[in-house]
Amino acid sequence: MAWFRDRVEADEELSDLSAIELEKRKVFGITLLEREVMEYDYFNRTNGHLDIDSMTICTGSRYLCGDLPRVRWDGKKFFIHWFFTDRESPILRSRQLFAF
């Protein structure tokens, strides 16, 4: 079973860290599928959306070339874009995985 903090925005304490840095710190993050399920669940409970002001980088998922997805609600739609593992920004955040 996986657990993530119940927050609208991704984990602020993990902002401005690249996927490479998170891996070095052994911070395991959400997968794209888990983030999609989290969005679906949150919408069904609240009629609202996640990641309005930030983007979740899904460090648990990787494309063949090593890039990873970033996810947000852009005001009209659920937005997924593939992104570089070495990029960092205050609006890019991970959602830390807590496994049981």
Protein backbone atom coordinates (compact mmCIF):
# COMPACT_ATOMS: atom_id res chain seq x y z
CA MET A 1 0.00 0.00 0.00
CA ALA A 2 1.24 3.51 -0.82
CA TRP A 3 0.38 6.71 1.01
CA PHE A 4 0.94 10.36 0.11
CA ARG A 5 0.18 13.52 2.07
CA ASP A 6 -3.36 14.79 1.50
CA ARG A 7 -2.46 18.20 0.08
CA VAL A 8 -3.69 20.22 -2.87
CA GLU A 9 -0.16 21.26 -3.83
CA ALA A 10 2.76 18.84 -4.04
CA ASP A 11 5.14 18.69 -1.06
CA GLU A 12 6.56 22.19 -0.55
CA GLU A 13 9.54 20.79 1.36
CA LEU A 14 10.55 19.00 -1.87
CA SER A 15 10.40 22.08 -4.11
CA ASP A 16 13.35 23.25 -6.18
CA LEU A 17 14.92 19.76 -6.18
CA SER A 18 15.59 17.87 -9.39
CA ALA A 19 14.66 14.21 -9.76
CA ILE A 20 18.38 13.44 -9.69
CA GLU A 21 18.78 15.22 -6.33
CA LEU A 22 15.70 13.49 -4.90
CA GLU A 23 17.15 10.14 -5.95
CA LYS A 24 20.46 10.97 -4.24
CA ARG A 25 18.52 11.80 -1.05
CA LYS A 26 16.59 8.52 -1.39
CA VAL A 27 13.23 10.31 -1.57
CA PHE A 28 10.85 7.98 -3.39
CA GLY A 29 8.09 9.76 -5.26
CA ILE A 30 4.70 9.24 -6.81
CA THR A 31 4.20 7.48 -10.15
CA LEU A 32 2.13 8.96 -12.96
CA LEU A 33 -0.62 6.37 -12.41
CA GLU A 34 -0.73 7.10 -8.66
CA ARG A 35 -0.96 10.83 -9.38
CA GLU A 36 -3.81 10.28 -11.85
CA VAL A 37 -5.70 8.19 -9.29
CA MET A 38 -5.03 10.87 -6.66
CA GLU A 39 -6.55 13.52 -8.98
CA TYR A 40 -9.59 11.35 -9.66
CA ASP A 41 -10.13 10.64 -5.95
CA TYR A 42 -9.67 14.29 -4.95
CA PHE A 43 -12.10 15.49 -7.62
CA ASN A 44 -14.73 12.94 -6.57
CA ARG A 45 -14.43 13.99 -2.91
CA THR A 46 -14.20 17.79 -3.35
CA ASN A 47 -15.10 18.69 -6.96
CA GLY A 48 -11.71 20.45 -6.99
CA HIS A 49 -8.30 19.81 -8.51
CA LEU A 50 -4.72 19.31 -7.33
CA ASP A 51 -1.59 21.23 -8.30
CA ILE A 52 -3.17 24.58 -9.09
CA ASP A 53 -0.02 26.63 -8.35
CA SER A 54 2.70 23.98 -8.58
CA MET A 55 3.51 20.88 -10.63
CA THR A 56 4.06 17.38 -9.35
CA ILE A 57 7.09 15.67 -10.84
CA CYS A 58 6.31 11.95 -10.90
CA THR A 59 9.74 10.63 -9.97
CA GLY A 60 8.39 7.07 -9.71
CA SER A 61 7.78 6.98 -13.47
CA ARG A 62 10.35 7.28 -16.26
CA TYR A 63 10.23 7.34 -20.04
CA LEU A 64 12.67 5.17 -22.00
CA CYS A 65 15.14 8.06 -22.34
CA GLY A 66 14.97 8.72 -18.58
CA ASP A 67 12.67 11.77 -18.66
CA LEU A 68 9.77 11.87 -16.22
CA PRO A 69 6.24 13.26 -16.23
CA ARG A 70 5.20 16.50 -14.58
CA VAL A 71 1.52 16.99 -13.81
CA ARG A 72 -0.77 19.91 -12.96
CA TRP A 73 -4.24 21.32 -13.40
CA ASP A 74 -3.92 24.23 -15.84
CA GLY A 75 -7.34 25.74 -15.14
CA LYS A 76 -9.11 23.86 -17.92
CA LYS A 77 -7.57 20.39 -18.11
CA PHE A 78 -5.32 17.85 -16.47
CA PHE A 79 -1.90 18.53 -17.98
CA ILE A 80 0.90 15.93 -18.36
CA HIS A 81 4.23 16.83 -19.91
CA TRP A 82 7.46 14.85 -20.05
CA PHE A 83 10.35 16.61 -18.34
CA PHE A 84 14.11 16.38 -17.77
CA THR A 85 15.45 14.74 -14.61
CA ASP A 86 18.06 17.44 -13.99
CA ARG A 87 15.68 20.43 -13.96
CA GLU A 88 14.72 22.19 -10.75
CA SER A 89 12.31 25.02 -10.03
CA PRO A 90 10.33 26.29 -7.03
CA ILE A 91 7.08 25.24 -8.72
CA LEU A 92 8.34 21.71 -9.46
CA ARG A 93 7.75 19.44 -6.49
CA SER A 94 7.53 15.76 -5.79
CA ARG A 95 4.97 13.95 -3.66
CA GLN A 96 6.86 11.69 -1.29
CA LEU A 97 5.86 8.02 -1.13
CA PHE A 98 5.24 6.48 2.27
CA ALA A 99 4.95 2.69 1.83
CA PHE A 100 3.37 0.33 4.32
